[in-house]
Amino acid sequence: MNIKPLGNRILVKQSTQEEVTASGIVLPDTAEKEKKAQGKIVAIGSGEMVARLGLKVGDTVVFGKYAGEEIEMGTGSDKQEYKILYVGSEEDKSDVLAVVE
């Protein structure tokens, strides 16, 4: 299944944060982990603000912790979690805060 964001929206695969306990034990991937508020763009809409900001697939962006809409794609063990984020101007309260370079 492919998703094409509409207008000034982007589809982002959120990054997970490697967690280490106070004693230095790294928690495995199977443990519940808090996701960082950043991720890689996997699809972009054709909106004016997306083009103006020069966002492209593969860019890493930072966004608000509770920003956007979470969606799941895939079936069974292949399920992946994504976020659809709105890209607007300063006045529009954009979900995207920065691009990581």
PDB file of N, CA and C in Angstrom:
ATOM      1  N   MET A   1       0.843  -1.172   0.000  1.00  0.00           N
ATOM      2  CA  MET A   1       0.000   0.000   0.000  1.00  0.00           C
ATOM      3  C   MET A   1       0.891   1.238   0.000  1.00  0.00           C
ATOM      4  N   ASN A   2       0.606   2.174  -0.873  1.00  0.00           N
ATOM      5  CA  ASN A   2       1.334   3.436  -0.944  1.00  0.00           C
ATOM      6  C   ASN A   2       0.426   4.561  -0.499  1.00  0.00           C
ATOM      7  N   ILE A   3       1.000   5.529   0.191  1.00  0.00           N
ATOM      8  CA  ILE A   3       0.250   6.706   0.624  1.00  0.00           C
ATOM      9  C   ILE A   3       0.911   7.930   0.021  1.00  0.00           C
ATOM     10  N   LYS A   4       0.128   8.782  -0.608  1.00  0.00           N
ATOM     11  CA  LYS A   4       0.608  10.037  -1.181  1.00  0.00           C
ATOM     12  C   LYS A   4      -0.038  11.169  -0.386  1.00  0.00           C
ATOM     13  N   PRO A   5       0.738  11.882   0.441  1.00  0.00           N
ATOM     14  CA  PRO A   5       0.173  13.002   1.199  1.00  0.00           C
ATOM     15  C   PRO A   5      -0.372  14.072   0.253  1.00  0.00           C
ATOM     16  N   LEU A   6      -1.428  14.731   0.667  1.00  0.00           N
ATOM     17  CA  LEU A   6      -2.053  15.769  -0.141  1.00  0.00           C
ATOM     18  C   LEU A   6      -1.575  17.149   0.291  1.00  0.00           C
ATOM     19  N   GLY A   7      -1.467  18.048  -0.654  1.00  0.00           N
ATOM     20  CA  GLY A   7      -1.148  19.444  -0.363  1.00  0.00           C
ATOM     21  C   GLY A   7       0.146  19.626   0.404  1.00  0.00           C
ATOM     22  N   ASN A   8       0.057  20.395   1.470  1.00  0.00           N
ATOM     23  CA  ASN A   8       1.227  20.740   2.279  1.00  0.00           C
ATOM     24  C   ASN A   8       1.425  19.739   3.417  1.00  0.00           C
ATOM     25  N   ARG A   9       1.441  18.468   3.097  1.00  0.00           N
ATOM     26  CA  ARG A   9       1.650  17.433   4.099  1.00  0.00           C
ATOM     27  C   ARG A   9       2.799  16.522   3.673  1.00  0.00           C
ATOM     28  N   ILE A  10       3.454  15.923   4.681  1.00  0.00           N
ATOM     29  CA  ILE A  10       4.521  14.968   4.419  1.00  0.00           C
ATOM     30  C   ILE A  10       4.283  13.719   5.262  1.00  0.00           C
ATOM     31  N   LEU A  11       4.774  12.585   4.774  1.00  0.00           N
ATOM     32  CA  LEU A  11       4.699  11.321   5.493  1.00  0.00           C
ATOM     33  C   LEU A  11       6.078  11.031   6.055  1.00  0.00           C
ATOM     34  N   VAL A  12       6.159  10.813   7.375  1.00  0.00           N
ATOM     35  CA  VAL A  12       7.439  10.650   8.069  1.00  0.00           C
ATOM     36  C   VAL A  12       7.454   9.329   8.815  1.00  0.00           C
ATOM     37  N   LYS A  13       8.573   8.590   8.705  1.00  0.00           N
ATOM     38  CA  LYS A  13       8.791   7.396   9.518  1.00  0.00           C
ATOM     39  C   LYS A  13       9.578   7.840  10.730  1.00  0.00           C
ATOM     40  N   GLN A  14       8.940   7.723  11.900  1.00  0.00           N
ATOM     41  CA  GLN A  14       9.547   8.186  13.135  1.00  0.00           C
ATOM     42  C   GLN A  14      10.751   7.355  13.536  1.00  0.00           C
ATOM     43  N   SER A  15      11.759   8.011  14.099  1.00  0.00           N
ATOM     44  CA  SER A  15      12.945   7.331  14.622  1.00  0.00           C
ATOM     45  C   SER A  15      12.671   6.867  16.044  1.00  0.00           C
ATOM     46  N   THR A  16      13.205   5.692  16.399  1.00  0.00           N
ATOM     47  CA  THR A  16      13.098   5.243  17.783  1.00  0.00           C
ATOM     48  C   THR A  16      14.374   5.619  18.508  1.00  0.00           C
ATOM     49  N   GLN A  17      14.238   5.786  19.798  1.00  0.00           N
ATOM     50  CA  GLN A  17      15.364   6.208  20.615  1.00  0.00           C
ATOM     51  C   GLN A  17      15.918   5.006  21.350  1.00  0.00           C
ATOM     52  N   GLU A  18      17.224   4.767  21.210  1.00  0.00           N
ATOM     53  CA  GLU A  18      17.848   3.667  21.937  1.00  0.00           C
ATOM     54  C   GLU A  18      17.875   4.041  23.415  1.00  0.00           C
ATOM     55  N   GLU A  19      17.318   3.169  24.240  1.00  0.00           N
ATOM     56  CA  GLU A  19      17.238   3.475  25.665  1.00  0.00           C
ATOM     57  C   GLU A  19      18.277   2.702  26.446  1.00  0.00           C
ATOM     58  N   VAL A  20      18.912   3.405  27.353  1.00  0.00           N
ATOM     59  CA  VAL A  20      19.917   2.820  28.232  1.00  0.00           C
ATOM     60  C   VAL A  20      19.500   3.120  29.667  1.00  0.00           C
ATOM     61  N   THR A  21      19.486   2.094  30.520  1.00  0.00           N
ATOM     62  CA  THR A  21      19.120   2.290  31.919  1.00  0.00           C
ATOM     63  C   THR A  21      20.241   3.024  32.646  1.00  0.00           C
ATOM     64  N   ALA A  22      19.968   3.460  33.866  1.00  0.00           N
ATOM     65  CA  ALA A  22      20.958   4.180  34.669  1.00  0.00           C
ATOM     66  C   ALA A  22      22.216   3.344  34.901  1.00  0.00           C
ATOM     67  N   SER A  23      22.070   2.017  34.923  1.00  0.00           N
ATOM     68  CA  SER A  23      23.229   1.151  35.143  1.00  0.00           C
ATOM     69  C   SER A  23      23.951   0.780  33.846  1.00  0.00           C
ATOM     70  N   GLY A  24      23.480   1.314  32.706  1.00  0.00           N
ATOM     71  CA  GLY A  24      24.180   1.097  31.441  1.00  0.00           C
ATOM     72  C   GLY A  24      23.655  -0.049  30.599  1.00  0.00           C
ATOM     73  N   ILE A  25      22.525  -0.636  30.973  1.00  0.00           N
ATOM     74  CA  ILE A  25      21.953  -1.742  30.199  1.00  0.00           C
ATOM     75  C   ILE A  25      21.147  -1.172  29.038  1.00  0.00           C
ATOM     76  N   VAL A  26      21.445  -1.627  27.815  1.00  0.00           N
ATOM     77  CA  VAL A  26      20.708  -1.186  26.636  1.00  0.00           C
ATOM     78  C   VAL A  26      19.465  -2.060  26.500  1.00  0.00           C
ATOM     79  N   LEU A  27      18.291  -1.406  26.418  1.00  0.00           N
ATOM     80  CA  LEU A  27      17.049  -2.148  26.252  1.00  0.00           C
ATOM     81  C   LEU A  27      16.935  -2.647  24.817  1.00  0.00           C
ATOM     82  N   PRO A  28      16.480  -3.892  24.612  1.00  0.00           N
ATOM     83  CA  PRO A  28      16.391  -4.441  23.252  1.00  0.00           C
ATOM     84  C   PRO A  28      15.280  -3.789  22.441  1.00  0.00           C
ATOM     85  N   ASP A  29      15.323  -4.018  21.122  1.00  0.00           N
ATOM     86  CA  ASP A  29      14.319  -3.456  20.217  1.00  0.00           C
ATOM     87  C   ASP A  29      12.914  -3.924  20.552  1.00  0.00           C
ATOM     88  N   THR A  30      12.774  -5.084  21.186  1.00  0.00           N
ATOM     89  CA  THR A  30      11.453  -5.613  21.489  1.00  0.00           C
ATOM     90  C   THR A  30      10.789  -4.887  22.648  1.00  0.00           C
ATOM     91  N   ALA A  31      11.542  -4.151  23.436  1.00  0.00           N
ATOM     92  CA  ALA A  31      10.981  -3.387  24.550  1.00  0.00           C
ATOM     93  C   ALA A  31      10.277  -2.146  24.006  1.00  0.00           C
ATOM     94  N   GLU A  32       9.230  -1.709  24.714  1.00  0.00           N
ATOM     95  CA  GLU A  32       8.548  -0.480  24.318  1.00  0.00           C
ATOM     96  C   GLU A  32       9.501   0.691  24.492  1.00  0.00           C
ATOM     97  N   LYS A  33       9.659   1.481  23.458  1.00  0.00           N
ATOM     98  CA  LYS A  33      10.567   2.622  23.514  1.00  0.00           C
ATOM     99  C   LYS A  33       9.806   3.877  23.144  1.00  0.00           C
ATOM    100  N   GLU A  34      10.226   4.971  23.734  1.00  0.00           N
ATOM    101  CA  GLU A  34       9.638   6.250  23.375  1.00  0.00           C
ATOM    102  C   GLU A  34      10.257   6.704  22.066  1.00  0.00           C
ATOM    103  N   LYS A  35       9.427   7.188  21.165  1.00  0.00           N
ATOM    104  CA  LYS A  35       9.921   7.635  19.875  1.00  0.00           C
ATOM    105  C   LYS A  35      10.413   9.066  19.980  1.00  0.00           C
ATOM    106  N   LYS A  36      11.485   9.350  19.256  1.00  0.00           N
ATOM    107  CA  LYS A  36      11.984  10.716  19.178  1.00  0.00           C
ATOM    108  C   LYS A  36      10.993  11.540  18.374  1.00  0.00           C
ATOM    109  N   ALA A  37      11.060  12.817  18.553  1.00  0.00           N
ATOM    110  CA  ALA A  37      10.221  13.705  17.764  1.00  0.00           C
ATOM    111  C   ALA A  37      10.978  14.100  16.499  1.00  0.00           C
ATOM    112  N   GLN A  38      11.528  13.096  15.824  1.00  0.00           N
ATOM    113  CA  GLN A  38      12.169  13.320  14.533  1.00  0.00           C
ATOM    114  C   GLN A  38      12.043  12.058  13.699  1.00  0.00           C
ATOM    115  N   GLY A  39      12.192  12.221  12.399  1.00  0.00           N
ATOM    116  CA  GLY A  39      12.086  11.077  11.513  1.00  0.00           C
ATOM    117  C   GLY A  39      12.460  11.444  10.095  1.00  0.00           C
ATOM    118  N   LYS A  40      12.453  10.427   9.224  1.00  0.00           N
ATOM    119  CA  LYS A  40      12.807  10.597   7.808  1.00  0.00           C
ATOM    120  C   LYS A  40      11.542  10.746   6.975  1.00  0.00           C
ATOM    121  N   ILE A  41      11.590  11.662   6.031  1.00  0.00           N
ATOM    122  CA  ILE A  41      10.482  11.858   5.103  1.00  0.00           C
ATOM    123  C   ILE A  41      10.466  10.701   4.105  1.00  0.00           C
ATOM    124  N   VAL A  42       9.312  10.040   3.964  1.00  0.00           N
ATOM    125  CA  VAL A  42       9.200   8.937   3.004  1.00  0.00           C
ATOM    126  C   VAL A  42       8.288   9.293   1.825  1.00  0.00           C
ATOM    127  N   ALA A  43       7.459  10.334   1.973  1.00  0.00           N
ATOM    128  CA  ALA A  43       6.615  10.796   0.870  1.00  0.00           C
ATOM    129  C   ALA A  43       6.239  12.246   1.129  1.00  0.00           C
ATOM    130  N   ILE A  44       6.052  13.010   0.064  1.00  0.00           N
ATOM    131  CA  ILE A  44       5.698  14.420   0.204  1.00  0.00           C
ATOM    132  C   ILE A  44       4.503  14.761  -0.674  1.00  0.00           C
ATOM    133  N   GLY A  45       3.750  15.759  -0.225  1.00  0.00           N
ATOM    134  CA  GLY A  45       2.644  16.276  -1.016  1.00  0.00           C
ATOM    135  C   GLY A  45       3.163  17.289  -2.026  1.00  0.00           C
ATOM    136  N   SER A  46       2.259  17.804  -2.834  1.00  0.00           N
ATOM    137  CA  SER A  46       2.672  18.730  -3.892  1.00  0.00           C
ATOM    138  C   SER A  46       2.325  20.175  -3.551  1.00  0.00           C
ATOM    139  N   GLY A  47       2.186  20.467  -2.260  1.00  0.00           N
ATOM    140  CA  GLY A  47       1.807  21.807  -1.834  1.00  0.00           C
ATOM    141  C   GLY A  47       2.902  22.841  -2.011  1.00  0.00           C
ATOM    142  N   GLU A  48       2.491  24.107  -2.012  1.00  0.00           N
ATOM    143  CA  GLU A  48       3.399  25.232  -2.224  1.00  0.00           C
ATOM    144  C   GLU A  48       4.440  25.341  -1.115  1.00  0.00           C
ATOM    145  N   MET A  49       4.058  25.134   0.141  1.00  0.00           N
ATOM    146  CA  MET A  49       4.995  25.269   1.257  1.00  0.00           C
ATOM    147  C   MET A  49       6.048  24.153   1.251  1.00  0.00           C
ATOM    148  N   VAL A  50       5.660  22.958   0.839  1.00  0.00           N
ATOM    149  CA  VAL A  50       6.619  21.845   0.743  1.00  0.00           C
ATOM    150  C   VAL A  50       7.702  22.215  -0.263  1.00  0.00           C
ATOM    151  N   ALA A  51       7.291  22.757  -1.395  1.00  0.00           N
ATOM    152  CA  ALA A  51       8.247  23.158  -2.432  1.00  0.00           C
ATOM    153  C   ALA A  51       9.082  24.348  -1.968  1.00  0.00           C
ATOM    154  N   ARG A  52       8.453  25.326  -1.320  1.00  0.00           N
ATOM    155  CA  ARG A  52       9.163  26.529  -0.890  1.00  0.00           C
ATOM    156  C   ARG A  52      10.253  26.200   0.136  1.00  0.00           C
ATOM    157  N   LEU A  53       9.989  25.243   1.025  1.00  0.00           N
ATOM    158  CA  LEU A  53      10.977  24.864   2.036  1.00  0.00           C
ATOM    159  C   LEU A  53      12.027  23.897   1.488  1.00  0.00           C
ATOM    160  N   GLY A  54      11.811  23.386   0.285  1.00  0.00           N
ATOM    161  CA  GLY A  54      12.790  22.493  -0.341  1.00  0.00           C
ATOM    162  C   GLY A  54      12.848  21.123   0.311  1.00  0.00           C
ATOM    163  N   LEU A  55      11.742  20.682   0.919  1.00  0.00           N
ATOM    164  CA  LEU A  55      11.718  19.362   1.545  1.00  0.00           C
ATOM    165  C   LEU A  55      11.720  18.287   0.476  1.00  0.00           C
ATOM    166  N   LYS A  56      12.446  17.195   0.754  1.00  0.00           N
ATOM    167  CA  LYS A  56      12.486  16.089  -0.204  1.00  0.00           C
ATOM    168  C   LYS A  56      12.527  14.768   0.545  1.00  0.00           C
ATOM    169  N   VAL A  57      12.175  13.700  -0.144  1.00  0.00           N
ATOM    170  CA  VAL A  57      12.210  12.359   0.440  1.00  0.00           C
ATOM    171  C   VAL A  57      13.632  12.060   0.900  1.00  0.00           C
ATOM    172  N   GLY A  58      13.756  11.544   2.109  1.00  0.00           N
ATOM    173  CA  GLY A  58      15.063  11.230   2.663  1.00  0.00           C
ATOM    174  C   GLY A  58      15.556  12.250   3.681  1.00  0.00           C
ATOM    175  N   ASP A  59      14.980  13.467   3.676  1.00  0.00           N
ATOM    176  CA  ASP A  59      15.356  14.474   4.672  1.00  0.00           C
ATOM    177  C   ASP A  59      14.921  14.016   6.058  1.00  0.00           C
ATOM    178  N   THR A  60      15.702  14.373   7.080  1.00  0.00           N
ATOM    179  CA  THR A  60      15.327  14.123   8.465  1.00  0.00           C
ATOM    180  C   THR A  60      14.786  15.423   9.036  1.00  0.00           C
ATOM    181  N   VAL A  61      13.583  15.360   9.631  1.00  0.00           N
ATOM    182  CA  VAL A  61      12.940  16.544  10.177  1.00  0.00           C
ATOM    183  C   VAL A  61      12.652  16.364  11.660  1.00  0.00           C
ATOM    184  N   VAL A  62      12.556  17.487  12.363  1.00  0.00           N
ATOM    185  CA  VAL A  62      12.181  17.528  13.769  1.00  0.00           C
ATOM    186  C   VAL A  62      10.776  18.097  13.836  1.00  0.00           C
ATOM    187  N   PHE A  63       9.923  17.500  14.686  1.00  0.00           N
ATOM    188  CA  PHE A  63       8.543  17.965  14.806  1.00  0.00           C
ATOM    189  C   PHE A  63       8.118  17.893  16.260  1.00  0.00           C
ATOM    190  N   GLY A  64       6.997  18.499  16.575  1.00  0.00           N
ATOM    191  CA  GLY A  64       6.472  18.480  17.936  1.00  0.00           C
ATOM    192  C   GLY A  64       6.112  17.064  18.361  1.00  0.00           C
ATOM    193  N   LYS A  65       6.291  16.769  19.640  1.00  0.00           N
ATOM    194  CA  LYS A  65       6.062  15.412  20.150  1.00  0.00           C
ATOM    195  C   LYS A  65       4.645  14.915  19.862  1.00  0.00           C
ATOM    196  N   TYR A  66       3.669  15.792  19.961  1.00  0.00           N
ATOM    197  CA  TYR A  66       2.275  15.392  19.742  1.00  0.00           C
ATOM    198  C   TYR A  66       1.729  15.885  18.406  1.00  0.00           C
ATOM    199  N   ALA A  67       2.611  16.286  17.502  1.00  0.00           N
ATOM    200  CA  ALA A  67       2.202  16.836  16.211  1.00  0.00           C
ATOM    201  C   ALA A  67       1.742  15.736  15.256  1.00  0.00           C
ATOM    202  N   GLY A  68       0.913  16.124  14.308  1.00  0.00           N
ATOM    203  CA  GLY A  68       0.525  15.237  13.221  1.00  0.00           C
ATOM    204  C   GLY A  68      -0.433  14.126  13.613  1.00  0.00           C
ATOM    205  N   GLU A  69      -0.695  13.283  12.637  1.00  0.00           N
ATOM    206  CA  GLU A  69      -1.589  12.143  12.792  1.00  0.00           C
ATOM    207  C   GLU A  69      -0.806  10.859  12.617  1.00  0.00           C
ATOM    208  N   GLU A  70      -0.917   9.944  13.571  1.00  0.00           N
ATOM    209  CA  GLU A  70      -0.223   8.662  13.477  1.00  0.00           C
ATOM    210  C   GLU A  70      -1.043   7.693  12.647  1.00  0.00           C
ATOM    211  N   ILE A  71      -0.359   6.942  11.785  1.00  0.00           N
ATOM    212  CA  ILE A  71      -1.016   5.899  10.999  1.00  0.00           C
ATOM    213  C   ILE A  71      -0.128   4.660  11.007  1.00  0.00           C
ATOM    214  N   GLU A  72      -0.720   3.505  10.759  1.00  0.00           N
ATOM    215  CA  GLU A  72       0.019   2.249  10.634  1.00  0.00           C
ATOM    216  C   GLU A  72      -0.210   1.702   9.243  1.00  0.00           C
ATOM    217  N   MET A  73       0.859   1.195   8.637  1.00  0.00           N
ATOM    218  CA  MET A  73       0.759   0.575   7.323  1.00  0.00           C
ATOM    219  C   MET A  73       1.387  -0.797   7.393  1.00  0.00           C
ATOM    220  N   GLY A  74       0.881  -1.714   6.602  1.00  0.00           N
ATOM    221  CA  GLY A  74       1.406  -3.066   6.578  1.00  0.00           C
ATOM    222  C   GLY A  74       0.491  -4.020   7.331  1.00  0.00           C
ATOM    223  N   THR A  75       0.869  -5.298   7.341  1.00  0.00           N
ATOM    224  CA  THR A  75       0.080  -6.305   8.024  1.00  0.00           C
ATOM    225  C   THR A  75       0.963  -7.165   8.899  1.00  0.00           C
ATOM    226  N   GLY A  76       0.383  -7.707   9.945  1.00  0.00           N
ATOM    227  CA  GLY A  76       1.104  -8.624  10.821  1.00  0.00           C
ATOM    228  C   GLY A  76       2.362  -8.027  11.409  1.00  0.00           C
ATOM    229  N   SER A  77       3.455  -8.771  11.294  1.00  0.00           N
ATOM    230  CA  SER A  77       4.726  -8.314  11.868  1.00  0.00           C
ATOM    231  C   SER A  77       5.396  -7.245  11.001  1.00  0.00           C
ATOM    232  N   ASP A  78       4.851  -6.983   9.807  1.00  0.00           N
ATOM    233  CA  ASP A  78       5.407  -5.961   8.919  1.00  0.00           C
ATOM    234  C   ASP A  78       4.811  -4.575   9.159  1.00  0.00           C
ATOM    235  N   LYS A  79       4.004  -4.412  10.209  1.00  0.00           N
ATOM    236  CA  LYS A  79       3.381  -3.124  10.473  1.00  0.00           C
ATOM    237  C   LYS A  79       4.436  -2.075  10.787  1.00  0.00           C
ATOM    238  N   GLN A  80       4.302  -0.925  10.158  1.00  0.00           N
ATOM    239  CA  GLN A  80       5.195   0.212  10.368  1.00  0.00           C
ATOM    240  C   GLN A  80       4.351   1.399  10.809  1.00  0.00           C
ATOM    241  N   GLU A  81       4.883   2.200  11.731  1.00  0.00           N
ATOM    242  CA  GLU A  81       4.185   3.394  12.193  1.00  0.00           C
ATOM    243  C   GLU A  81       4.759   4.628  11.508  1.00  0.00           C
ATOM    244  N   TYR A  82       3.860   5.504  11.069  1.00  0.00           N
ATOM    245  CA  TYR A  82       4.235   6.730  10.387  1.00  0.00           C
ATOM    246  C   TYR A  82       3.437   7.890  10.964  1.00  0.00           C
ATOM    247  N   LYS A  83       3.863   9.093  10.629  1.00  0.00           N
ATOM    248  CA  LYS A  83       3.127  10.302  10.981  1.00  0.00           C
ATOM    249  C   LYS A  83       2.901  11.108   9.720  1.00  0.00           C
ATOM    250  N   ILE A  84       1.715  11.686   9.607  1.00  0.00           N
ATOM    251  CA  ILE A  84       1.429  12.646   8.546  1.00  0.00           C
ATOM    252  C   ILE A  84       1.492  14.017   9.203  1.00  0.00           C
ATOM    253  N   LEU A  85       2.405  14.856   8.709  1.00  0.00           N
ATOM    254  CA  LEU A  85       2.631  16.173   9.297  1.00  0.00           C
ATOM    255  C   LEU A  85       2.243  17.269   8.324  1.00  0.00           C
ATOM    256  N   TYR A  86       1.726  18.357   8.860  1.00  0.00           N
ATOM    257  CA  TYR A  86       1.355  19.527   8.070  1.00  0.00           C
ATOM    258  C   TYR A  86       2.541  20.472   7.984  1.00  0.00           C
ATOM    259  N   VAL A  87       2.835  20.948   6.791  1.00  0.00           N
ATOM    260  CA  VAL A  87       3.921  21.910   6.583  1.00  0.00           C
ATOM    261  C   VAL A  87       3.273  23.231   6.197  1.00  0.00           C
ATOM    262  N   GLY A  88       3.375  24.212   7.084  1.00  0.00           N
ATOM    263  CA  GLY A  88       2.769  25.513   6.810  1.00  0.00           C
ATOM    264  C   GLY A  88       3.744  26.627   7.101  1.00  0.00           C
ATOM    265  N   SER A  89       3.260  27.825   6.965  1.00  0.00           N
ATOM    266  CA  SER A  89       4.089  28.989   7.276  1.00  0.00           C
ATOM    267  C   SER A  89       4.057  29.233   8.787  1.00  0.00           C
ATOM    268  N   GLU A  90       4.820  30.184   9.263  1.00  0.00           N
ATOM    269  CA  GLU A  90       4.858  30.511  10.693  1.00  0.00           C
ATOM    270  C   GLU A  90       3.453  30.790  11.232  1.00  0.00           C
ATOM    271  N   GLU A  91       2.628  31.474  10.462  1.00  0.00           N
ATOM    272  CA  GLU A  91       1.281  31.826  10.902  1.00  0.00           C
ATOM    273  C   GLU A  91       0.364  30.604  10.963  1.00  0.00           C
ATOM    274  N   ASP A  92       0.670  29.568  10.168  1.00  0.00           N
ATOM    275  CA  ASP A  92      -0.189  28.382  10.087  1.00  0.00           C
ATOM    276  C   ASP A  92       0.125  27.334  11.154  1.00  0.00           C
ATOM    277  N   LYS A  93       1.137  27.562  11.988  1.00  0.00           N
ATOM    278  CA  LYS A  93       1.537  26.590  13.013  1.00  0.00           C
ATOM    279  C   LYS A  93       1.923  25.259  12.384  1.00  0.00           C
ATOM    280  N   SER A  94       2.970  25.263  11.639  1.00  0.00           N
ATOM    281  CA  SER A  94       3.485  24.066  10.980  1.00  0.00           C
ATOM    282  C   SER A  94       3.875  23.006  12.000  1.00  0.00           C
ATOM    283  N   ASP A  95       3.627  21.723  11.683  1.00  0.00           N
ATOM    284  CA  ASP A  95       4.044  20.607  12.533  1.00  0.00           C
ATOM    285  C   ASP A  95       5.555  20.415  12.466  1.00  0.00           C
ATOM    286  N   VAL A  96       6.165  20.777  11.327  1.00  0.00           N
ATOM    287  CA  VAL A  96       7.615  20.584  11.140  1.00  0.00           C
ATOM    288  C   VAL A  96       8.341  21.786  11.731  1.00  0.00           C
ATOM    289  N   LEU A  97       9.287  21.512  12.639  1.00  0.00           N
ATOM    290  CA  LEU A  97      10.021  22.577  13.313  1.00  0.00           C
ATOM    291  C   LEU A  97      11.374  22.863  12.682  1.00  0.00           C
ATOM    292  N   ALA A  98      12.040  21.828  12.151  1.00  0.00           N
ATOM    293  CA  ALA A  98      13.383  22.007  11.600  1.00  0.00           C
ATOM    294  C   ALA A  98      13.762  20.824  10.716  1.00  0.00           C
ATOM    295  N   VAL A  99      14.761  21.048   9.871  1.00  0.00           N
ATOM    296  CA  VAL A  99      15.360  19.985   9.056  1.00  0.00           C
ATOM    297  C   VAL A  99      16.745  19.718   9.620  1.00  0.00           C
ATOM    298  N   VAL A 100      17.080  18.444   9.846  1.00  0.00           N
ATOM    299  CA  VAL A 100      18.399  18.064  10.376  1.00  0.00           C
ATOM    300  C   VAL A 100      19.350  17.926   9.195  1.00  0.00           C
ATOM    301  N   GLU A 101      20.469  18.639   9.253  1.00  0.00           N
ATOM    302  CA  GLU A 101      21.448  18.570   8.165  1.00  0.00           C
ATOM    303  C   GLU A 101      22.701  17.877   8.614  1.00  0.00           C
TER     304      GLU A 101
END
